[in-house]
Amino acid sequence: MKKVISAVLVLLCLQMSANAQAPKQELKRPPMTSNRIQRALERYVNVWDTCSNEQLKAKIYEGFDRLAQSDTTNYYGQYYAAYIDAEAGFLYFDSLRKPEVYTRALGFAEKAIKLSPKDAEPLILKAHILRLMANHNDSLEADHKAKIKKLIADAKKMDATNPRLYLVEGDELLKAGNKKEAAKNYKLASDGLKANKSEEFLKPHWGTYEVKRSMAKTQ
């Protein structure tokens, strides 16, 4: 069964890659139902997690954005649009485009917070996005540092052992120049991500690559 699933994902990845390279045509799409949005979201998350085609991954954020805009009441739609936009901005966009993409990611994160105000995950994601924005633009540092501090404090009240919370705390320590304490937080984040794997497919599971990126800066 795993081989079949892997084969399907590879074919999907190749198909989406081919579509991304094909000339754009104006297509009249029927309105997306909640079920269709959910299925499409699961498919896109699968592709993001498994596809090694960087050209495709650099464009797939557009699909997440469309899903989020199609149903503004879908929590996971807003959450993943925020995360994928932030990662795409960091990985694939030049310095001129990053602010635009990060700002869009932040907007989706704020919508996710409104949809699930007692959940630590969108607070942590918003803190992560604010840190990316401040790292890119030093003039935002003072304002964003204060906002991140509050987001971390609020998230701790809800889920103090969330591994992504350790990640964003580590990033703040790293920014402050405390590499030793930052490395400790990244280790806690890494261990937590390995231990807290969920069978719920859309439950947030990002952080592994972000921890590796940040940990490398403590060496």
C-alpha atoms as a PDB file:
ATOM      1  CA  MET A   1       0.000   0.000   0.000  1.00  0.00           C
ATOM      2  CA  LYS A   2       2.839   2.423   0.865  1.00  0.00           C
ATOM      3  CA  LYS A   3       4.390   1.776  -2.560  1.00  0.00           C
ATOM      4  CA  VAL A   4       1.072   2.547  -4.254  1.00  0.00           C
ATOM      5  CA  ILE A   5       0.656   5.784  -2.287  1.00  0.00           C
ATOM      6  CA  SER A   6       4.233   6.805  -3.080  1.00  0.00           C
ATOM      7  CA  ALA A   7       3.687   6.097  -6.768  1.00  0.00           C
ATOM      8  CA  VAL A   8       0.502   8.180  -6.789  1.00  0.00           C
ATOM      9  CA  LEU A   9       2.284  11.079  -5.118  1.00  0.00           C
ATOM     10  CA  VAL A  10       5.146  10.927  -7.622  1.00  0.00           C
ATOM     11  CA  LEU A  11       2.670  10.975 -10.530  1.00  0.00           C
ATOM     12  CA  LEU A  12       0.805  13.877  -8.919  1.00  0.00           C
ATOM     13  CA  CYS A  13       4.056  15.762  -8.438  1.00  0.00           C
ATOM     14  CA  LEU A  14       5.019  15.237 -12.088  1.00  0.00           C
ATOM     15  CA  GLN A  15       1.550  16.195 -13.303  1.00  0.00           C
ATOM     16  CA  MET A  16       1.521  19.399 -11.272  1.00  0.00           C
ATOM     17  CA  SER A  17       5.042  20.203 -12.453  1.00  0.00           C
ATOM     18  CA  ALA A  18       3.956  19.782 -16.086  1.00  0.00           C
ATOM     19  CA  ASN A  19       0.912  21.944 -15.481  1.00  0.00           C
ATOM     20  CA  ALA A  20       3.084  24.644 -13.938  1.00  0.00           C
ATOM     21  CA  GLN A  21       5.222  24.745 -17.093  1.00  0.00           C
ATOM     22  CA  ALA A  22       2.291  24.710 -19.534  1.00  0.00           C
ATOM     23  CA  PRO A  23       0.933  27.987 -21.000  1.00  0.00           C
ATOM     24  CA  LYS A  24      -1.655  29.523 -18.695  1.00  0.00           C
ATOM     25  CA  GLN A  25      -5.244  29.372 -19.895  1.00  0.00           C
ATOM     26  CA  GLU A  26      -8.292  31.012 -18.414  1.00  0.00           C
ATOM     27  CA  LEU A  27     -10.376  28.182 -17.001  1.00  0.00           C
ATOM     28  CA  LYS A  28     -13.877  28.541 -15.660  1.00  0.00           C
ATOM     29  CA  ARG A  29     -13.846  26.529 -12.461  1.00  0.00           C
ATOM     30  CA  PRO A  30     -17.021  25.592 -10.617  1.00  0.00           C
ATOM     31  CA  PRO A  31     -17.373  26.934  -7.065  1.00  0.00           C
ATOM     32  CA  MET A  32     -15.430  24.743  -4.655  1.00  0.00           C
ATOM     33  CA  THR A  33     -17.400  22.962  -1.976  1.00  0.00           C
ATOM     34  CA  SER A  34     -16.011  22.455   1.517  1.00  0.00           C
ATOM     35  CA  ASN A  35     -15.301  18.792   0.727  1.00  0.00           C
ATOM     36  CA  ARG A  36     -13.449  19.676  -2.459  1.00  0.00           C
ATOM     37  CA  ILE A  37     -11.379  22.275  -0.641  1.00  0.00           C
ATOM     38  CA  GLN A  38     -10.494  19.763   2.067  1.00  0.00           C
ATOM     39  CA  ARG A  39      -9.442  17.129  -0.465  1.00  0.00           C
ATOM     40  CA  ALA A  40      -7.426  19.646  -2.459  1.00  0.00           C
ATOM     41  CA  LEU A  41      -5.758  20.902   0.716  1.00  0.00           C
ATOM     42  CA  GLU A  42      -4.744  17.379   1.700  1.00  0.00           C
ATOM     43  CA  ARG A  43      -3.368  16.788  -1.788  1.00  0.00           C
ATOM     44  CA  TYR A  44      -1.325  20.008  -1.752  1.00  0.00           C
ATOM     45  CA  VAL A  45       0.085  19.279   1.697  1.00  0.00           C
ATOM     46  CA  ASN A  46       1.107  15.819   0.476  1.00  0.00           C
ATOM     47  CA  VAL A  47       2.880  17.326  -2.514  1.00  0.00           C
ATOM     48  CA  TRP A  48       4.650  19.945  -0.389  1.00  0.00           C
ATOM     49  CA  ASP A  49       5.829  17.270   2.041  1.00  0.00           C
ATOM     50  CA  THR A  50       7.016  14.761  -0.566  1.00  0.00           C
ATOM     51  CA  CYS A  51       7.841  16.476  -3.867  1.00  0.00           C
ATOM     52  CA  SER A  52      11.502  17.214  -4.576  1.00  0.00           C
ATOM     53  CA  ASN A  53      10.783  19.446  -7.595  1.00  0.00           C
ATOM     54  CA  GLU A  54      11.851  22.857  -6.312  1.00  0.00           C
ATOM     55  CA  GLN A  55      10.287  24.699  -9.274  1.00  0.00           C
ATOM     56  CA  LEU A  56       6.928  23.208  -8.394  1.00  0.00           C
ATOM     57  CA  LYS A  57       7.311  23.966  -4.686  1.00  0.00           C
ATOM     58  CA  ALA A  58       8.171  27.562  -5.567  1.00  0.00           C
ATOM     59  CA  LYS A  59       4.758  27.887  -7.249  1.00  0.00           C
ATOM     60  CA  ILE A  60       2.498  25.682  -5.152  1.00  0.00           C
ATOM     61  CA  TYR A  61       1.885  28.488  -2.662  1.00  0.00           C
ATOM     62  CA  GLU A  62      -0.542  29.895  -5.248  1.00  0.00           C
ATOM     63  CA  GLY A  63      -2.726  26.801  -4.851  1.00  0.00           C
ATOM     64  CA  PHE A  64      -2.791  27.171  -1.070  1.00  0.00           C
ATOM     65  CA  ASP A  65      -3.704  30.843  -1.449  1.00  0.00           C
ATOM     66  CA  ARG A  66      -6.604  30.008  -3.766  1.00  0.00           C
ATOM     67  CA  LEU A  67      -7.967  27.443  -1.327  1.00  0.00           C
ATOM     68  CA  ALA A  68      -7.746  29.893   1.569  1.00  0.00           C
ATOM     69  CA  GLN A  69      -9.537  32.557  -0.455  1.00  0.00           C
ATOM     70  CA  SER A  70     -12.219  30.092  -1.609  1.00  0.00           C
ATOM     71  CA  ASP A  71     -13.285  29.310   1.962  1.00  0.00           C
ATOM     72  CA  THR A  72     -12.276  31.855   4.572  1.00  0.00           C
ATOM     73  CA  THR A  73     -13.934  29.755   7.309  1.00  0.00           C
ATOM     74  CA  ASN A  74     -11.624  26.751   6.842  1.00  0.00           C
ATOM     75  CA  TYR A  75      -9.044  26.902   9.637  1.00  0.00           C
ATOM     76  CA  TYR A  76      -6.533  24.588   7.995  1.00  0.00           C
ATOM     77  CA  GLY A  77      -6.912  26.450   4.709  1.00  0.00           C
ATOM     78  CA  GLN A  78      -5.864  29.711   6.386  1.00  0.00           C
ATOM     79  CA  TYR A  79      -3.180  28.021   8.487  1.00  0.00           C
ATOM     80  CA  TYR A  80      -1.439  26.259   5.612  1.00  0.00           C
ATOM     81  CA  ALA A  81      -1.671  29.273   3.309  1.00  0.00           C
ATOM     82  CA  ALA A  82       0.155  31.224   6.031  1.00  0.00           C
ATOM     83  CA  TYR A  83       2.836  28.590   6.534  1.00  0.00           C
ATOM     84  CA  ILE A  84       3.450  27.818   2.857  1.00  0.00           C
ATOM     85  CA  ASP A  85       3.556  31.503   1.908  1.00  0.00           C
ATOM     86  CA  ALA A  86       6.104  32.118   4.666  1.00  0.00           C
ATOM     87  CA  GLU A  87       8.294  29.194   3.590  1.00  0.00           C
ATOM     88  CA  ALA A  88       8.002  30.073  -0.093  1.00  0.00           C
ATOM     89  CA  GLY A  89       8.933  33.659   0.730  1.00  0.00           C
ATOM     90  CA  PHE A  90      11.997  32.559   2.658  1.00  0.00           C
ATOM     91  CA  LEU A  91      13.160  29.904   0.210  1.00  0.00           C
ATOM     92  CA  TYR A  92      12.229  31.090  -3.256  1.00  0.00           C
ATOM     93  CA  PHE A  93      11.655  34.851  -3.436  1.00  0.00           C
ATOM     94  CA  ASP A  94      14.194  37.619  -3.811  1.00  0.00           C
ATOM     95  CA  SER A  95      14.517  40.481  -1.353  1.00  0.00           C
ATOM     96  CA  LEU A  96      12.112  42.683  -3.310  1.00  0.00           C
ATOM     97  CA  ARG A  97       9.281  40.121  -3.242  1.00  0.00           C
ATOM     98  CA  LYS A  98       9.759  38.762   0.289  1.00  0.00           C
ATOM     99  CA  PRO A  99       7.881  41.584   2.092  1.00  0.00           C
ATOM    100  CA  GLU A 100       4.823  41.078  -0.108  1.00  0.00           C
ATOM    101  CA  VAL A 101       4.732  37.331   0.448  1.00  0.00           C
ATOM    102  CA  TYR A 102       5.427  37.584   4.182  1.00  0.00           C
ATOM    103  CA  THR A 103       2.665  40.175   4.581  1.00  0.00           C
ATOM    104  CA  ARG A 104       0.205  37.865   2.837  1.00  0.00           C
ATOM    105  CA  ALA A 105       1.318  34.987   5.074  1.00  0.00           C
ATOM    106  CA  LEU A 106       0.773  37.147   8.139  1.00  0.00           C
ATOM    107  CA  GLY A 107      -2.758  37.963   7.018  1.00  0.00           C
ATOM    108  CA  PHE A 108      -3.635  34.290   6.673  1.00  0.00           C
ATOM    109  CA  ALA A 109      -2.121  33.550  10.100  1.00  0.00           C
ATOM    110  CA  GLU A 110      -4.256  36.247  11.712  1.00  0.00           C
ATOM    111  CA  LYS A 111      -7.367  34.768  10.102  1.00  0.00           C
ATOM    112  CA  ALA A 112      -6.413  31.331  11.457  1.00  0.00           C
ATOM    113  CA  ILE A 113      -6.081  32.822  14.947  1.00  0.00           C
ATOM    114  CA  LYS A 114      -9.590  34.275  14.709  1.00  0.00           C
ATOM    115  CA  LEU A 115     -10.975  30.921  13.596  1.00  0.00           C
ATOM    116  CA  SER A 116      -9.266  29.026  16.449  1.00  0.00           C
ATOM    117  CA  PRO A 117      -8.458  31.534  19.226  1.00  0.00           C
ATOM    118  CA  LYS A 118      -7.723  28.903  21.880  1.00  0.00           C
ATOM    119  CA  ASP A 119      -5.176  27.039  19.739  1.00  0.00           C
ATOM    120  CA  ALA A 120      -1.457  27.688  20.258  1.00  0.00           C
ATOM    121  CA  GLU A 121      -0.491  26.647  16.718  1.00  0.00           C
ATOM    122  CA  PRO A 122      -1.540  29.783  14.793  1.00  0.00           C
ATOM    123  CA  LEU A 123       0.009  31.987  17.497  1.00  0.00           C
ATOM    124  CA  ILE A 124       3.315  30.131  17.090  1.00  0.00           C
ATOM    125  CA  LEU A 125       3.076  30.366  13.315  1.00  0.00           C
ATOM    126  CA  LYS A 126       2.423  34.113  13.492  1.00  0.00           C
ATOM    127  CA  ALA A 127       5.487  34.510  15.733  1.00  0.00           C
ATOM    128  CA  HIS A 128       7.536  32.542  13.197  1.00  0.00           C
ATOM    129  CA  ILE A 129       6.358  34.786  10.347  1.00  0.00           C
ATOM    130  CA  LEU A 130       7.070  37.972  12.313  1.00  0.00           C
ATOM    131  CA  ARG A 131      10.607  36.738  12.959  1.00  0.00           C
ATOM    132  CA  LEU A 132      11.143  36.090   9.238  1.00  0.00           C
ATOM    133  CA  MET A 133       9.878  39.603   8.501  1.00  0.00           C
ATOM    134  CA  ALA A 134      12.122  41.241  11.114  1.00  0.00           C
ATOM    135  CA  ASN A 135      15.159  39.267   9.985  1.00  0.00           C
ATOM    136  CA  HIS A 136      14.569  40.565   6.486  1.00  0.00           C
ATOM    137  CA  ASN A 137      13.895  44.168   7.527  1.00  0.00           C
ATOM    138  CA  ASP A 138      15.830  45.455  10.546  1.00  0.00           C
ATOM    139  CA  SER A 139      13.488  48.437  10.940  1.00  0.00           C
ATOM    140  CA  LEU A 140      10.757  46.026  12.092  1.00  0.00           C
ATOM    141  CA  GLU A 141      12.865  44.442  14.846  1.00  0.00           C
ATOM    142  CA  ALA A 142      11.731  46.460  17.877  1.00  0.00           C
ATOM    143  CA  ASP A 143       8.021  46.248  17.025  1.00  0.00           C
ATOM    144  CA  HIS A 144       8.049  42.593  15.997  1.00  0.00           C
ATOM    145  CA  LYS A 145      10.215  41.499  18.932  1.00  0.00           C
ATOM    146  CA  ALA A 146       7.593  42.789  21.368  1.00  0.00           C
ATOM    147  CA  LYS A 147       4.767  41.132  19.434  1.00  0.00           C
ATOM    148  CA  ILE A 148       6.642  37.827  19.280  1.00  0.00           C
ATOM    149  CA  LYS A 149       7.258  37.921  23.030  1.00  0.00           C
ATOM    150  CA  LYS A 150       3.525  38.290  23.690  1.00  0.00           C
ATOM    151  CA  LEU A 151       2.611  35.558  21.193  1.00  0.00           C
ATOM    152  CA  ILE A 152       5.052  33.159  22.845  1.00  0.00           C
ATOM    153  CA  ALA A 153       3.657  33.966  26.305  1.00  0.00           C
ATOM    154  CA  ASP A 154       0.077  33.418  25.118  1.00  0.00           C
ATOM    155  CA  ALA A 155       0.986  30.171  23.324  1.00  0.00           C
ATOM    156  CA  LYS A 156       2.720  28.846  26.460  1.00  0.00           C
ATOM    157  CA  LYS A 157      -0.539  29.157  28.393  1.00  0.00           C
ATOM    158  CA  MET A 158      -2.192  26.869  25.854  1.00  0.00           C
ATOM    159  CA  ASP A 159       0.523  24.373  24.936  1.00  0.00           C
ATOM    160  CA  ALA A 160       3.794  24.882  26.801  1.00  0.00           C
ATOM    161  CA  THR A 161       5.533  21.815  25.352  1.00  0.00           C
ATOM    162  CA  ASN A 162       4.681  22.390  21.699  1.00  0.00           C
ATOM    163  CA  PRO A 163       7.898  21.659  19.756  1.00  0.00           C
ATOM    164  CA  ARG A 164       7.319  24.583  17.383  1.00  0.00           C
ATOM    165  CA  LEU A 165       7.116  26.841  20.427  1.00  0.00           C
ATOM    166  CA  TYR A 166      10.659  25.764  21.354  1.00  0.00           C
ATOM    167  CA  LEU A 167      11.675  26.610  17.793  1.00  0.00           C
ATOM    168  CA  VAL A 168      10.391  30.191  17.884  1.00  0.00           C
ATOM    169  CA  GLU A 169      11.830  30.692  21.376  1.00  0.00           C
ATOM    170  CA  GLY A 170      15.164  29.432  20.084  1.00  0.00           C
ATOM    171  CA  ASP A 171      15.003  31.884  17.186  1.00  0.00           C
ATOM    172  CA  GLU A 172      14.503  34.764  19.630  1.00  0.00           C
ATOM    173  CA  LEU A 173      17.464  33.617  21.714  1.00  0.00           C
ATOM    174  CA  LEU A 174      19.562  33.282  18.566  1.00  0.00           C
ATOM    175  CA  LYS A 175      18.624  36.807  17.487  1.00  0.00           C
ATOM    176  CA  ALA A 176      19.699  38.043  20.921  1.00  0.00           C
ATOM    177  CA  GLY A 177      23.088  36.368  20.439  1.00  0.00           C
ATOM    178  CA  ASN A 178      22.573  33.572  22.977  1.00  0.00           C
ATOM    179  CA  LYS A 179      23.594  30.643  20.786  1.00  0.00           C
ATOM    180  CA  LYS A 180      24.006  28.194  23.676  1.00  0.00           C
ATOM    181  CA  GLU A 181      20.452  28.602  24.979  1.00  0.00           C
ATOM    182  CA  ALA A 182      19.098  28.738  21.449  1.00  0.00           C
ATOM    183  CA  ALA A 183      20.718  25.379  20.700  1.00  0.00           C
ATOM    184  CA  LYS A 184      19.054  23.884  23.792  1.00  0.00           C
ATOM    185  CA  ASN A 185      15.659  25.024  22.553  1.00  0.00           C
ATOM    186  CA  TYR A 186      16.310  23.650  19.080  1.00  0.00           C
ATOM    187  CA  LYS A 187      17.218  20.292  20.622  1.00  0.00           C
ATOM    188  CA  LEU A 188      13.930  20.286  22.555  1.00  0.00           C
ATOM    189  CA  ALA A 189      12.092  21.209  19.357  1.00  0.00           C
ATOM    190  CA  SER A 190      13.802  18.448  17.380  1.00  0.00           C
ATOM    191  CA  ASP A 191      13.097  15.816  20.020  1.00  0.00           C
ATOM    192  CA  GLY A 192       9.483  16.945  20.334  1.00  0.00           C
ATOM    193  CA  LEU A 193       8.890  16.831  16.591  1.00  0.00           C
ATOM    194  CA  LYS A 194      10.160  13.258  16.467  1.00  0.00           C
ATOM    195  CA  ALA A 195       8.010  12.175  19.409  1.00  0.00           C
ATOM    196  CA  ASN A 196       4.788  14.032  18.585  1.00  0.00           C
ATOM    197  CA  LYS A 197       3.918  12.645  15.177  1.00  0.00           C
ATOM    198  CA  SER A 198       0.163  12.600  14.663  1.00  0.00           C
ATOM    199  CA  GLU A 199      -2.011  10.383  12.505  1.00  0.00           C
ATOM    200  CA  GLU A 200      -4.279  13.359  11.858  1.00  0.00           C
ATOM    201  CA  PHE A 201      -2.991  14.327   8.425  1.00  0.00           C
ATOM    202  CA  LEU A 202      -3.601  18.090   8.471  1.00  0.00           C
ATOM    203  CA  LYS A 203      -2.477  18.618  12.037  1.00  0.00           C
ATOM    204  CA  PRO A 204       0.529  20.988  11.932  1.00  0.00           C
ATOM    205  CA  HIS A 205       3.744  18.991  11.609  1.00  0.00           C
ATOM    206  CA  TRP A 206       6.240  21.484  10.224  1.00  0.00           C
ATOM    207  CA  GLY A 207       9.427  22.454  12.005  1.00  0.00           C
ATOM    208  CA  THR A 208      12.019  19.791  11.208  1.00  0.00           C
ATOM    209  CA  TYR A 209      13.703  21.720   8.391  1.00  0.00           C
ATOM    210  CA  GLU A 210      13.329  25.032  10.200  1.00  0.00           C
ATOM    211  CA  VAL A 211      15.071  23.596  13.260  1.00  0.00           C
ATOM    212  CA  LYS A 212      17.949  22.317  11.113  1.00  0.00           C
ATOM    213  CA  ARG A 213      18.281  25.719   9.448  1.00  0.00           C
ATOM    214  CA  SER A 214      18.385  27.538  12.750  1.00  0.00           C
ATOM    215  CA  MET A 215      20.557  24.986  14.546  1.00  0.00           C
ATOM    216  CA  ALA A 216      23.237  25.406  11.887  1.00  0.00           C
ATOM    217  CA  LYS A 217      23.557  29.063  12.923  1.00  0.00           C
ATOM    218  CA  THR A 218      24.499  28.093  16.493  1.00  0.00           C
ATOM    219  CA  GLN A 219      27.653  26.244  15.407  1.00  0.00           C
END
